[in-house]
């Protein structure tokens, strides 16, 4: 992998985990030293993440992490609902037994992390939704969902934790797996729609 590619992965991680929080500017000099690379590959990585919506470029000010607002949250969830409801319908009819095993394994790992008192890990949430997309076997949908999900993770990084919401999300994941295992596309779509509506409402409440 090129230096720019490595920088993309590291910078994406820093943004999505909130290490560089919403509203903060990217300090190119400090970050280049931290990564042990020149500013050329770093700037290439910054442009790449800006194209994904994870950074904002401003003339004479450089790059910064976008600050969430209500309009952005609503727009992202409108997009996610359209794409992910279609994806789970496909997953319910295209999935293999291996897909179901993988989905259940991610759910179990998420439950263990939650029971241990860990903050809801974005990695496991993304892993679950990625497993759903893999089961759907629709690469075009998967690529668009991945970009939208990253932006939602970014927006959530600046919001306070909500344990009841996290527990409800785990329940939703279990219900999605049950619907997909039962090859019930209608039920899977209904669960996903309600799940995303609740997550959207929780994020809007946190923004208020």
Protein backbone atom coordinates (compact mmCIF):
# COMPACT_ATOMS: atom_id res chain seq x y z
CA UNK A 1 0.00 0.00 0.00
CA UNK A 2 1.28 3.50 -0.85
CA UNK A 3 2.12 6.07 1.82
CA UNK A 4 -0.98 8.03 0.83
CA UNK A 5 -3.11 4.90 1.17
CA UNK A 6 -1.72 4.20 4.62
CA UNK A 7 -2.33 7.82 5.59
CA UNK A 8 -5.96 7.53 4.41
CA UNK A 9 -6.54 4.56 6.72
CA UNK A 10 -4.90 6.19 9.74
CA UNK A 11 -6.56 9.57 9.22
CA UNK A 12 -9.96 7.94 8.71
CA UNK A 13 -9.50 6.10 12.01
CA UNK A 14 -8.58 9.32 13.83
CA UNK A 15 -11.66 11.07 12.48
CA UNK A 16 -14.16 8.25 13.02
CA UNK A 17 -13.03 7.56 16.59
CA UNK A 18 -13.27 11.25 17.50
CA UNK A 19 -9.52 11.54 18.08
CA UNK A 20 -9.83 14.52 15.75
CA UNK A 21 -13.27 15.74 16.89
CA UNK A 22 -15.97 17.52 14.88
CA UNK A 23 -15.01 21.15 14.34
CA UNK A 24 -11.29 20.53 14.81
CA UNK A 25 -8.77 21.47 12.14
CA UNK A 26 -6.26 18.95 10.81
CA UNK A 27 -2.78 20.06 11.83
CA UNK A 28 -0.77 18.90 8.82
CA UNK A 29 2.67 19.48 10.35
CA UNK A 30 1.87 17.65 13.58
CA UNK A 31 0.07 14.80 11.82
CA UNK A 32 2.82 14.30 9.23
CA UNK A 33 5.35 14.01 12.05
CA UNK A 34 3.08 11.64 13.95
CA UNK A 35 2.69 9.38 10.90
CA UNK A 36 6.33 9.68 9.86
CA UNK A 37 5.50 10.84 6.34
CA UNK A 38 5.92 14.00 4.28
CA UNK A 39 3.04 16.43 3.83
CA UNK A 40 2.57 15.38 0.18
CA UNK A 41 1.04 11.94 0.90
CA UNK A 42 -0.86 13.43 3.85
CA UNK A 43 -2.46 16.09 1.67
CA UNK A 44 -3.44 13.39 -0.82
CA UNK A 45 -5.09 11.49 2.04
CA UNK A 46 -6.88 14.65 3.18
CA UNK A 47 -8.29 15.22 -0.31
CA UNK A 48 -9.46 11.60 -0.42
CA UNK A 49 -11.31 11.87 2.89
CA UNK A 50 -12.81 15.18 1.81
CA UNK A 51 -14.24 13.39 -1.23
CA UNK A 52 -15.90 10.93 1.19
CA UNK A 53 -17.39 13.75 3.26
CA UNK A 54 -15.24 13.03 6.32
CA UNK A 55 -13.30 16.29 6.04
CA UNK A 56 -14.13 19.78 4.79
CA UNK A 57 -11.62 21.87 2.84
CA UNK A 58 -11.69 25.65 3.18
CA UNK A 59 -9.49 28.12 1.25
CA UNK A 60 -6.57 29.40 3.35
CA UNK A 61 -7.77 27.40 6.36
CA UNK A 62 -6.99 23.82 5.41
CA UNK A 63 -9.04 20.78 6.39
CA UNK A 64 -11.37 20.33 9.34
CA UNK A 65 -13.83 17.74 10.58
CA UNK A 66 -17.43 18.74 9.78
CA UNK A 67 -19.81 19.61 12.58
CA UNK A 68 -23.15 17.76 12.45
CA UNK A 69 -26.40 19.61 11.94
CA UNK A 70 -30.02 18.51 11.73
CA UNK A 71 -30.28 18.80 7.95
CA UNK A 72 -27.21 16.62 7.41
CA UNK A 73 -28.48 13.94 9.80
CA UNK A 74 -31.90 13.80 8.13
CA UNK A 75 -30.40 13.65 4.63
CA UNK A 76 -28.00 10.86 5.56
CA UNK A 77 -30.72 8.74 7.10
CA UNK A 78 -33.03 9.24 4.14
CA UNK A 79 -30.24 7.85 1.98
CA UNK A 80 -29.40 5.01 4.36
CA UNK A 81 -33.05 3.98 4.67
CA UNK A 82 -33.52 3.72 0.91
CA UNK A 83 -30.30 1.78 0.40
CA UNK A 84 -30.21 -0.46 3.45
CA UNK A 85 -33.84 -1.54 3.30
CA UNK A 86 -33.18 -2.68 -0.26
CA UNK A 87 -29.98 -4.38 0.88
CA UNK A 88 -31.58 -6.43 3.66
CA UNK A 89 -34.38 -7.54 1.33
CA UNK A 90 -31.71 -8.88 -1.02
CA UNK A 91 -29.78 -10.40 1.89
CA UNK A 92 -32.87 -12.31 3.03
CA UNK A 93 -33.14 -14.10 -0.32
CA UNK A 94 -29.45 -14.34 -1.28
CA UNK A 95 -27.82 -15.17 2.04
CA UNK A 96 -25.97 -18.41 2.71
CA UNK A 97 -25.73 -20.29 5.99
CA UNK A 98 -22.23 -18.88 6.29
CA UNK A 99 -23.64 -15.35 6.14
CA UNK A 100 -26.05 -16.12 8.97
CA UNK A 101 -23.25 -17.59 11.08
CA UNK A 102 -21.13 -14.48 10.51
CA UNK A 103 -24.00 -12.13 11.41
CA UNK A 104 -24.74 -14.02 14.61
CA UNK A 105 -21.05 -13.99 15.56
CA UNK A 106 -20.88 -10.19 15.25
CA UNK A 107 -24.07 -9.86 17.32
CA UNK A 108 -22.63 -12.06 20.05
CA UNK A 109 -19.36 -10.12 20.12
CA UNK A 110 -21.30 -6.85 20.37
CA UNK A 111 -23.35 -8.22 23.27
CA UNK A 112 -20.20 -9.26 25.11
CA UNK A 113 -18.67 -5.81 24.65
CA UNK A 114 -21.86 -4.11 25.85
CA UNK A 115 -22.18 -6.42 28.87
CA UNK A 116 -18.57 -5.68 29.80
CA UNK A 117 -19.45 -1.99 29.99
CA UNK A 118 -17.53 -0.98 26.89
CA UNK A 119 -18.79 1.99 24.84
CA UNK A 120 -20.76 0.87 21.79
CA UNK A 121 -17.89 0.14 19.38
CA UNK A 122 -18.31 1.64 15.94
CA UNK A 123 -16.12 -1.13 14.51
CA UNK A 124 -18.61 -3.83 15.48
CA UNK A 125 -21.56 -1.77 14.28
CA UNK A 126 -19.88 -1.30 10.90
CA UNK A 127 -18.89 -4.98 10.86
CA UNK A 128 -22.52 -5.98 11.34
CA UNK A 129 -23.80 -3.74 8.57
CA UNK A 130 -20.94 -4.87 6.32
CA UNK A 131 -21.95 -8.48 6.90
CA UNK A 132 -25.50 -7.56 5.87
CA UNK A 133 -24.20 -5.94 2.70
CA UNK A 134 -22.01 -8.93 1.90
CA UNK A 135 -25.04 -11.19 2.24
CA UNK A 136 -26.97 -8.95 -0.17
CA UNK A 137 -24.29 -9.42 -2.84
CA UNK A 138 -24.89 -6.02 -4.42
CA UNK A 139 -21.53 -4.20 -4.73
CA UNK A 140 -23.04 -0.93 -6.00
CA UNK A 141 -25.39 -0.65 -3.03
CA UNK A 142 -22.59 -1.68 -0.67
CA UNK A 143 -20.25 1.09 -1.82
CA UNK A 144 -22.84 3.83 -1.37
CA UNK A 145 -23.92 2.50 2.02
CA UNK A 146 -20.32 2.34 3.23
CA UNK A 147 -19.79 6.03 2.49
CA UNK A 148 -23.06 7.02 4.17
CA UNK A 149 -22.34 4.87 7.23
CA UNK A 150 -18.91 6.43 7.67
CA UNK A 151 -20.48 9.87 7.80
CA UNK A 152 -23.02 8.71 10.38
CA UNK A 153 -20.20 7.28 12.53
CA UNK A 154 -18.44 10.63 12.19
CA UNK A 155 -21.53 12.53 13.32
CA UNK A 156 -22.04 10.17 16.25
CA UNK A 157 -18.44 10.62 17.42
CA UNK A 158 -19.30 14.09 18.68
CA UNK A 159 -22.49 13.06 20.50
CA UNK A 160 -22.99 11.70 23.99
CA UNK A 161 -23.45 7.98 24.60
CA UNK A 162 -26.96 6.68 25.22
CA UNK A 163 -26.89 3.18 26.83
CA UNK A 164 -30.63 2.47 26.32
CA UNK A 165 -30.24 3.34 22.64
CA UNK A 166 -27.20 1.08 22.37
CA UNK A 167 -29.13 -1.82 23.91
CA UNK A 168 -32.03 -1.23 21.52
CA UNK A 169 -29.62 -1.29 18.57
CA UNK A 170 -28.35 -4.70 19.65
CA UNK A 171 -31.94 -5.94 19.83
CA UNK A 172 -32.56 -4.58 16.33
CA UNK A 173 -29.50 -6.41 15.04
CA UNK A 174 -30.76 -9.68 16.51
CA UNK A 175 -34.17 -9.13 14.89
CA UNK A 176 -32.55 -8.44 11.53
CA UNK A 177 -30.55 -11.66 11.71
CA UNK A 178 -33.69 -13.61 12.61
CA UNK A 179 -35.58 -12.18 9.62
CA UNK A 180 -32.71 -12.89 7.24
CA UNK A 181 -32.23 -16.41 8.60
CA UNK A 182 -35.96 -16.99 8.02
CA UNK A 183 -35.64 -15.66 4.43
CA UNK A 184 -38.27 -13.01 5.19
CA UNK A 185 -37.38 -9.91 3.12
CA UNK A 186 -40.48 -7.96 4.14
CA UNK A 187 -39.77 -8.42 7.84
CA UNK A 188 -36.08 -7.60 7.36
CA UNK A 189 -36.94 -4.35 5.58
CA UNK A 190 -39.46 -3.38 8.26
CA UNK A 191 -36.94 -3.97 11.07
CA UNK A 192 -34.24 -1.99 9.25
CA UNK A 193 -36.59 0.93 8.57
CA UNK A 194 -37.61 1.15 12.24
CA UNK A 195 -34.00 0.71 13.38
CA UNK A 196 -32.74 3.58 11.24
CA UNK A 197 -35.68 5.81 12.21
CA UNK A 198 -34.89 5.29 15.89
CA UNK A 199 -31.16 5.91 15.41
CA UNK A 200 -31.93 9.09 13.46
CA UNK A 201 -34.31 10.33 16.16
CA UNK A 202 -31.74 9.62 18.88
CA UNK A 203 -29.07 11.56 17.01
CA UNK A 204 -31.38 14.53 16.48
CA UNK A 205 -32.21 14.52 20.20
CA UNK A 206 -28.50 14.51 21.06
CA UNK A 207 -27.93 17.46 18.74
CA UNK A 208 -30.65 19.54 20.40
